[in-house]
Protein backbone atom coordinates (compact mmCIF):
# COMPACT_ATOMS: atom_id res chain seq x y z
CA MET A 1 143.16 15.62 174.34
CA LYS A 2 145.60 18.23 173.10
CA HIS A 3 149.19 17.93 174.16
CA ALA A 4 151.03 21.09 175.17
CA LYS A 5 154.00 21.88 172.95
CA CYS A 6 157.35 21.62 174.68
CA PRO A 7 159.40 24.75 174.50
CA GLY A 8 161.87 24.47 171.64
CA THR A 9 164.25 26.53 169.55
CA ASN A 10 162.63 28.39 166.71
CA ALA A 11 164.38 29.68 163.55
CA THR A 12 165.08 33.11 165.02
CA GLU A 13 166.74 31.63 168.08
CA LYS A 14 168.80 29.29 165.88
CA ASN A 15 170.04 32.25 163.83
CA MET A 16 170.94 34.18 166.98
CA PHE A 17 172.84 31.18 168.30
CA SER A 18 174.67 30.78 164.97
CA HIS A 19 175.63 34.46 164.89
CA LYS A 20 176.93 34.31 168.44
CA ARG A 21 178.98 31.24 167.64
CA TRP A 22 180.59 32.94 164.62
CA ALA A 23 181.20 36.09 166.66
CA VAL A 24 183.00 34.06 169.31
CA THR A 25 185.00 32.20 166.64
CA PHE A 26 185.96 35.47 164.95
CA LEU A 27 187.02 36.96 168.27
CA LEU A 28 189.19 33.97 169.08
CA MET A 29 190.82 34.11 165.65
CA ALA A 30 191.48 37.84 166.04
CA LEU A 31 193.08 37.26 169.43
CA LEU A 32 195.26 34.52 167.98
CA LEU A 33 196.37 36.79 165.14
CA VAL A 34 197.17 39.64 167.52
CA GLY A 35 199.10 37.25 169.73
CA SER A 36 201.05 35.92 166.74
CA ALA A 37 201.83 39.46 165.55
CA CYS A 38 203.04 40.48 169.00
CA SER A 39 205.17 37.35 169.18
CA LEU A 40 206.71 38.04 165.76
CA ALA A 41 207.32 41.69 166.70
CA ALA A 42 209.11 40.57 169.86
CA GLU A 43 211.20 38.10 167.89
CA ASP A 44 212.07 40.79 165.33
CA LYS A 45 213.19 43.14 168.10
CA LEU A 46 215.39 40.44 169.63
CA GLU A 47 216.88 39.67 166.22
CA LEU A 48 217.60 43.33 165.48
CA ALA A 49 219.12 43.76 168.93
CA SER A 50 221.45 40.85 168.22
CA ILE A 51 222.52 42.37 164.88
CA ASP A 52 222.95 45.72 166.64
CA ARG A 53 225.43 44.22 169.10
CA GLU A 54 227.22 42.40 166.30
CA LEU A 55 227.74 45.60 164.27
CA ILE A 56 229.15 47.39 167.31
CA GLU A 57 231.54 44.50 167.93
CA MET A 58 232.60 44.49 164.27
CA ALA A 59 233.36 48.21 164.44
CA LYS A 60 235.40 47.61 167.60
CA ASN A 61 237.42 44.95 165.77
CA ASP A 62 237.98 47.46 162.96
CA GLN A 63 239.42 50.02 165.36
CA ASP A 64 241.47 47.51 167.34
CA ALA A 65 243.15 46.32 164.15
CA ARG A 66 244.12 49.88 163.29
CA LYS A 67 245.47 50.62 166.76
CA ASN A 68 247.92 47.75 166.33
CA HIS A 69 249.22 49.22 163.02
CA ASN A 70 249.36 45.71 161.55
CA LEU A 71 248.45 46.00 157.87
CA THR A 72 247.91 42.26 157.40
CA ASP A 73 245.56 42.07 160.37
CA MET A 74 243.79 45.23 159.26
CA LEU A 75 243.07 43.88 155.78
CA ARG A 76 241.92 40.56 157.22
CA VAL A 77 239.44 42.26 159.57
CA ASP A 78 238.22 44.58 156.81
CA LYS A 79 237.45 41.65 154.50
CA LEU A 80 235.70 39.61 157.19
CA ASN A 81 233.68 42.60 158.34
CA LEU A 82 232.56 43.43 154.81
CA ILE A 83 231.44 39.84 154.13
CA ARG A 84 229.21 39.95 157.19
CA LEU A 85 227.98 43.49 156.47
CA LYS A 86 226.87 42.39 152.99
CA GLU A 87 224.86 39.57 154.58
CA ILE A 88 223.22 41.98 157.02
CA ILE A 89 222.37 44.50 154.29
CA LYS A 90 220.92 41.76 152.09
CA GLN A 91 218.54 40.74 154.88
CA TYR A 92 217.74 44.05 156.58
CA GLY A 93 218.74 46.80 154.17
CA TRP A 94 221.09 49.55 155.29
CA PRO A 95 221.34 49.60 159.13
CA ASP A 96 219.85 53.04 159.70
CA SER A 97 219.59 54.64 163.13
CA LYS A 98 215.79 54.35 163.18
CA ARG A 99 215.80 50.56 163.54
CA PHE A 100 219.28 50.18 165.01
CA SER A 101 221.23 52.18 167.59
CA LYS A 102 223.33 55.14 166.46
CA ASP A 103 226.47 53.22 167.41
CA ALA A 104 225.47 50.23 165.27
CA SER A 105 224.57 52.44 162.31
CA ALA A 106 227.87 54.31 162.65
CA GLY A 107 229.64 50.96 162.87
CA ALA A 108 228.11 49.82 159.59
CA TRP A 109 229.30 53.04 157.94
CA LEU A 110 232.81 52.64 159.38
CA ILE A 111 233.09 49.11 158.00
CA LEU A 112 231.96 50.25 154.56
CA GLN A 113 234.23 53.29 154.67
CA HIS A 114 237.22 51.01 155.23
CA ALA A 115 236.20 48.53 152.51
CA SER A 116 238.55 50.08 149.95
CA HIS A 117 239.18 46.62 148.49
CA ASP A 118 235.59 46.68 147.17
CA GLY A 119 234.94 50.13 145.75
CA VAL A 120 231.99 48.88 143.74
CA PHE A 121 230.14 47.82 146.86
CA GLN A 122 231.10 51.06 148.60
CA LYS A 123 229.22 52.88 145.85
CA GLU A 124 226.22 50.55 146.21
CA GLY A 125 226.18 51.13 149.96
CA LEU A 126 226.40 54.89 149.44
CA GLU A 127 223.29 54.79 147.24
CA LEU A 128 221.43 52.80 149.91
CA MET A 129 222.40 55.36 152.54
CA LYS A 130 221.22 58.26 150.37
CA GLN A 131 217.79 56.65 149.97
CA ILE A 132 217.12 56.78 153.72
CA LYS A 133 215.33 59.95 154.76
CA GLY A 134 214.35 61.53 158.05
CA GLY A 135 217.71 61.46 159.79
CA GLY A 136 218.25 57.69 159.64
CA VAL A 137 221.77 58.24 158.25
CA HIS A 138 224.15 60.94 159.50
CA PRO A 139 225.15 63.41 156.75
CA VAL A 140 228.79 63.23 157.88
CA HIS A 141 228.84 59.53 157.02
CA ILE A 142 227.47 60.19 153.56
CA ALA A 143 230.03 62.97 152.97
CA TYR A 144 233.01 60.80 153.98
CA LEU A 145 231.87 57.86 151.89
CA GLU A 146 231.00 60.02 148.90
CA ASP A 147 234.54 61.42 148.87
CA ARG A 148 235.99 57.92 149.17
CA VAL A 149 233.87 56.66 146.26
CA SER A 150 234.78 59.72 144.15
CA LEU A 151 238.49 59.04 144.55
CA PHE A 152 237.94 55.34 143.79
CA GLU A 153 236.38 56.42 140.48
CA ASN A 154 239.32 58.75 139.80
CA GLU A 155 237.23 61.84 140.34
CA VAL A 156 237.80 64.82 142.65
CA GLN A 157 236.28 64.74 146.11
CA ILE A 158 233.46 67.04 147.16
CA TYR A 159 233.87 67.63 150.90
CA GLY A 160 237.63 67.39 151.41
CA THR A 161 237.56 64.49 153.87
CA GLN A 162 240.32 62.48 152.17
CA GLY A 163 243.99 63.24 152.10
CA TYR A 164 247.50 62.10 153.03
CA CYS A 165 250.45 63.16 155.13
CA VAL A 166 253.43 65.07 153.80
CA GLY A 167 255.75 65.16 156.74
CA SER A 168 253.67 66.50 159.64
CA LYS A 169 251.11 68.19 157.37
CA PHE A 170 247.81 66.69 156.20
CA VAL A 171 247.30 67.47 152.51
CA LEU A 172 243.93 67.16 150.83
CA SER A 173 243.42 64.97 147.79
CA PRO A 174 242.03 66.98 144.82
CA VAL A 175 238.80 68.80 145.70
CA LYS A 176 236.02 70.04 143.43
CA ASN A 177 235.54 73.82 143.41
CA GLU A 178 237.69 74.34 146.50
CA LYS A 179 236.58 77.94 147.11
CA ASP A 180 233.07 76.70 148.06
CA ILE A 181 234.24 73.75 150.10
CA ASN A 182 233.26 75.17 153.51
CA LEU A 183 229.71 75.78 152.34
CA ARG A 184 229.39 72.15 151.28
CA ARG A 185 231.00 71.01 154.52
CA GLU A 186 228.59 73.11 156.55
CA ASN A 187 225.63 71.51 154.78
CA ALA A 188 227.07 68.09 155.62
CA LYS A 189 227.56 69.02 159.31
CA LEU A 190 231.35 69.02 158.91
CA PRO A 191 233.72 71.56 160.55
CA PRO A 192 235.52 74.19 158.42
CA ILE A 193 238.27 72.73 156.27
CA GLU A 194 240.99 74.74 158.07
CA ALA A 195 240.09 73.20 161.43
CA TYR A 196 239.84 69.75 159.85
CA ILE A 197 243.30 69.97 158.27
CA GLU A 198 244.83 71.10 161.56
CA GLU A 199 243.16 68.29 163.50
CA ALA A 200 244.09 65.67 160.89
CA SER A 201 247.70 66.88 160.88
CA ASN A 202 247.93 66.53 164.66
CA LYS A 203 246.21 63.14 164.83
CA LEU A 204 247.43 61.42 161.68
CA CYS A 205 250.74 62.99 160.75
CA ASN A 206 252.55 63.32 164.07
């Protein structure tokens, strides 16, 4: 008497089952990776937002110290701000306005602009700023810092942003090829030198 064969799983069915199992495993792994990436992206955004707020606060401290006209306090704030800015740059690069807010990016520039006690790092920061393309750094910031670095290296400035008061008049520090200065200023989004001198005289020398 022949016995009927019980239905079983043949080789083809086993292969199909194996493929389905690997497909499910792959899908689960992909979902886990996507979830991890999203989580890291969210953490990165939170971290950058925290640095953003910190830079704005540092810039505020910079301005508050100058409003008080206390040289000792001003130098203390400048040194503390620069120490922290160096740490931020080491970890994130220059705080450009693509990853950070415009206020935070401007704050980073302001801190570096006032770091006259470390002209070498000012020059390093300037080079970092110049490397950023696509509007991530405002040309005005580069112009101001470039003039500051030029004077630190005992050279003439390019854009005429630096000067000093003689009585109630703002006088420019030596400028390269002064007859073309307004063309260079225009390219850097700066106002004409005549308007700048008048404004600086009223704000800084009176």
